[in-house]
Each structure stands twice: as structure tokens, then as C-alpha cells.
């Protein structure tokens, strides 16, 4: 997922002229949601759960 905000240093739209120390004060220095998206999957999807439960029989 790409960031489209000009005030994010990872964005393609971040101006090349924006450099430290000003950039450190005005722009995000880390990836934010949803660019930092990291799903936490703690179980199988419904189809896999159904298939797995039928295999045990």
C-alpha cells in the first residue's frame, strides 16, 4: 500500500526539497496505517476450518 500524502517521507509525493531538520518537524518519519498494515491472523479462514474439521472424521 503506497502513501499518497506529501507530508510522509516515504510517499512518492514527498517533495525532494523537504530535508532535515525541517522534514523531521513537518513530515511523518514512520509508516502509518494503512501503509504499515500488518494483519494478525490467529486462526484458519472459515473454509479451511470446515475442511480441517471434516478431515478429522
N, C-alpha and C. Protein backbone atom coordinates (compact mmCIF):
# COMPACT_ATOMS: atom_id res chain seq x y z
N UNK A 1 0.87 -1.17 0.00
CA UNK A 1 0.00 0.00 0.00
C UNK A 1 0.91 1.22 0.00
N UNK A 2 0.71 2.08 -0.95
CA UNK A 2 1.55 3.28 -1.06
C UNK A 2 0.90 4.48 -0.41
N UNK A 3 1.72 5.27 0.22
CA UNK A 3 1.26 6.51 0.84
C UNK A 3 1.19 7.60 -0.23
N UNK A 4 0.11 8.37 -0.20
CA UNK A 4 -0.05 9.45 -1.17
C UNK A 4 -0.02 10.82 -0.50
N UNK A 5 0.42 10.86 0.75
CA UNK A 5 0.48 12.12 1.49
C UNK A 5 1.82 12.80 1.25
N UNK A 6 1.79 14.08 0.97
CA UNK A 6 3.04 14.81 0.72
C UNK A 6 3.85 15.02 2.00
N UNK A 7 3.21 14.88 3.17
CA UNK A 7 3.93 15.06 4.42
C UNK A 7 4.40 13.74 5.03
N UNK A 8 4.52 12.71 4.21
CA UNK A 8 5.09 11.42 4.62
C UNK A 8 6.39 11.23 3.86
N UNK A 9 7.49 10.99 4.56
CA UNK A 9 8.78 10.92 3.86
C UNK A 9 8.90 9.70 2.96
N UNK A 10 8.01 8.72 3.07
CA UNK A 10 8.04 7.53 2.22
C UNK A 10 7.17 7.68 0.97
N UNK A 11 6.43 8.76 0.88
CA UNK A 11 5.50 8.97 -0.22
C UNK A 11 6.20 9.37 -1.51
N UNK A 12 5.62 8.95 -2.63
CA UNK A 12 6.11 9.40 -3.93
C UNK A 12 5.84 10.89 -4.12
N UNK A 13 4.93 11.44 -3.33
CA UNK A 13 4.55 12.85 -3.43
C UNK A 13 5.32 13.74 -2.46
N UNK A 14 6.23 13.16 -1.67
CA UNK A 14 7.03 13.95 -0.74
C UNK A 14 8.04 14.76 -1.54
N UNK A 15 8.05 16.08 -1.38
CA UNK A 15 8.95 16.92 -2.18
C UNK A 15 10.42 16.62 -1.90
N UNK A 16 11.21 16.56 -2.95
CA UNK A 16 12.65 16.31 -2.82
C UNK A 16 13.34 17.43 -2.06
N UNK A 17 12.75 18.61 -2.07
CA UNK A 17 13.34 19.76 -1.38
C UNK A 17 13.12 19.71 0.13
N UNK A 18 12.26 18.82 0.60
CA UNK A 18 11.98 18.71 2.03
C UNK A 18 13.03 17.80 2.67
N UNK A 19 13.93 18.41 3.42
CA UNK A 19 15.05 17.67 4.02
C UNK A 19 15.18 18.05 5.50
N UNK A 20 15.91 17.23 6.26
CA UNK A 20 16.13 17.58 7.67
C UNK A 20 16.86 18.92 7.76
N UNK A 21 16.67 19.66 8.81
CA UNK A 21 15.89 19.34 10.00
C UNK A 21 14.40 19.65 9.88
N UNK A 22 14.00 20.44 8.87
CA UNK A 22 12.59 20.80 8.72
C UNK A 22 11.72 19.57 8.52
N UNK A 23 12.18 18.61 7.75
CA UNK A 23 11.40 17.40 7.46
C UNK A 23 11.08 16.64 8.75
N UNK A 24 12.02 16.65 9.69
CA UNK A 24 11.80 15.95 10.95
C UNK A 24 10.67 16.57 11.77
N UNK A 25 10.42 17.86 11.56
CA UNK A 25 9.37 18.56 12.30
C UNK A 25 8.03 18.52 11.57
N UNK A 26 8.04 18.49 10.24
CA UNK A 26 6.80 18.65 9.49
C UNK A 26 6.26 17.37 8.85
N UNK A 27 7.08 16.33 8.74
CA UNK A 27 6.67 15.13 8.00
C UNK A 27 6.73 13.87 8.87
N UNK A 28 5.88 12.92 8.52
CA UNK A 28 5.86 11.64 9.22
C UNK A 28 7.16 10.91 8.94
N UNK A 29 7.80 10.41 9.97
CA UNK A 29 9.09 9.73 9.84
C UNK A 29 8.94 8.21 9.93
N UNK A 30 7.73 7.74 9.98
CA UNK A 30 7.47 6.30 10.02
C UNK A 30 6.20 6.03 9.23
N UNK A 31 6.04 4.82 8.80
CA UNK A 31 4.86 4.47 8.01
C UNK A 31 3.65 4.39 8.92
N UNK A 32 2.54 4.97 8.47
CA UNK A 32 1.30 4.99 9.25
C UNK A 32 0.29 4.05 8.61
N UNK A 33 -0.80 3.78 9.32
CA UNK A 33 -1.88 2.97 8.77
C UNK A 33 -2.47 3.69 7.57
N UNK A 34 -2.79 3.06 6.47
CA UNK A 34 -2.70 1.62 6.21
C UNK A 34 -1.39 1.19 5.57
N UNK A 35 -0.45 2.13 5.36
CA UNK A 35 0.82 1.75 4.74
C UNK A 35 1.59 0.76 5.62
N UNK A 36 1.34 0.82 6.92
CA UNK A 36 2.01 -0.05 7.87
C UNK A 36 1.17 -1.30 8.14
N UNK A 37 0.21 -1.57 7.30
CA UNK A 37 -0.73 -2.67 7.50
C UNK A 37 -0.03 -3.99 7.76
N UNK A 38 -0.40 -4.63 8.82
CA UNK A 38 0.17 -5.92 9.20
C UNK A 38 -0.92 -6.76 9.84
N UNK A 39 -1.56 -7.63 9.07
CA UNK A 39 -2.66 -8.40 9.65
C UNK A 39 -2.17 -9.39 10.70
N UNK A 40 -2.96 -9.57 11.71
CA UNK A 40 -2.66 -10.55 12.76
C UNK A 40 -3.70 -11.65 12.63
N UNK A 41 -3.32 -12.72 11.98
CA UNK A 41 -4.24 -13.83 11.72
C UNK A 41 -3.99 -14.89 12.77
N UNK A 42 -5.01 -15.15 13.59
CA UNK A 42 -4.83 -16.09 14.68
C UNK A 42 -5.62 -17.39 14.49
N UNK A 43 -6.18 -17.58 13.31
CA UNK A 43 -6.92 -18.82 13.06
C UNK A 43 -7.07 -19.03 11.56
N UNK A 44 -7.55 -20.22 11.20
CA UNK A 44 -7.80 -20.53 9.79
C UNK A 44 -9.04 -19.79 9.31
N UNK A 45 -9.13 -19.56 8.01
CA UNK A 45 -10.33 -18.95 7.44
C UNK A 45 -11.49 -19.95 7.57
N UNK A 46 -12.74 -19.53 7.44
CA UNK A 46 -13.88 -20.44 7.60
C UNK A 46 -13.83 -21.66 6.69
N UNK A 47 -13.43 -21.48 5.44
CA UNK A 47 -13.38 -22.62 4.51
C UNK A 47 -12.34 -23.64 4.95
N UNK A 48 -11.16 -23.18 5.37
CA UNK A 48 -10.12 -24.10 5.83
C UNK A 48 -10.51 -24.78 7.13
N UNK A 49 -11.15 -24.04 8.03
CA UNK A 49 -11.61 -24.64 9.29
C UNK A 49 -12.61 -25.74 9.02
N UNK A 50 -13.53 -25.50 8.09
CA UNK A 50 -14.54 -26.50 7.74
C UNK A 50 -13.86 -27.73 7.14
N UNK A 51 -12.93 -27.51 6.22
CA UNK A 51 -12.23 -28.62 5.58
C UNK A 51 -11.43 -29.42 6.60
N UNK A 52 -10.76 -28.73 7.50
CA UNK A 52 -9.95 -29.41 8.51
C UNK A 52 -10.82 -30.22 9.46
N UNK A 53 -11.96 -29.68 9.86
CA UNK A 53 -12.84 -30.42 10.77
C UNK A 53 -13.42 -31.66 10.10
N UNK A 54 -13.63 -31.62 8.80
CA UNK A 54 -14.16 -32.78 8.07
C UNK A 54 -13.09 -33.83 7.83
N UNK A 55 -11.83 -33.44 7.86
CA UNK A 55 -10.73 -34.39 7.68
C UNK A 55 -10.52 -35.25 8.92
N UNK A 56 -10.92 -34.73 10.07
CA UNK A 56 -10.72 -35.46 11.32
C UNK A 56 -11.69 -36.63 11.48
N UNK A 57 -12.75 -36.64 10.70
CA UNK A 57 -13.77 -37.71 10.82
C UNK A 57 -13.32 -39.02 10.23
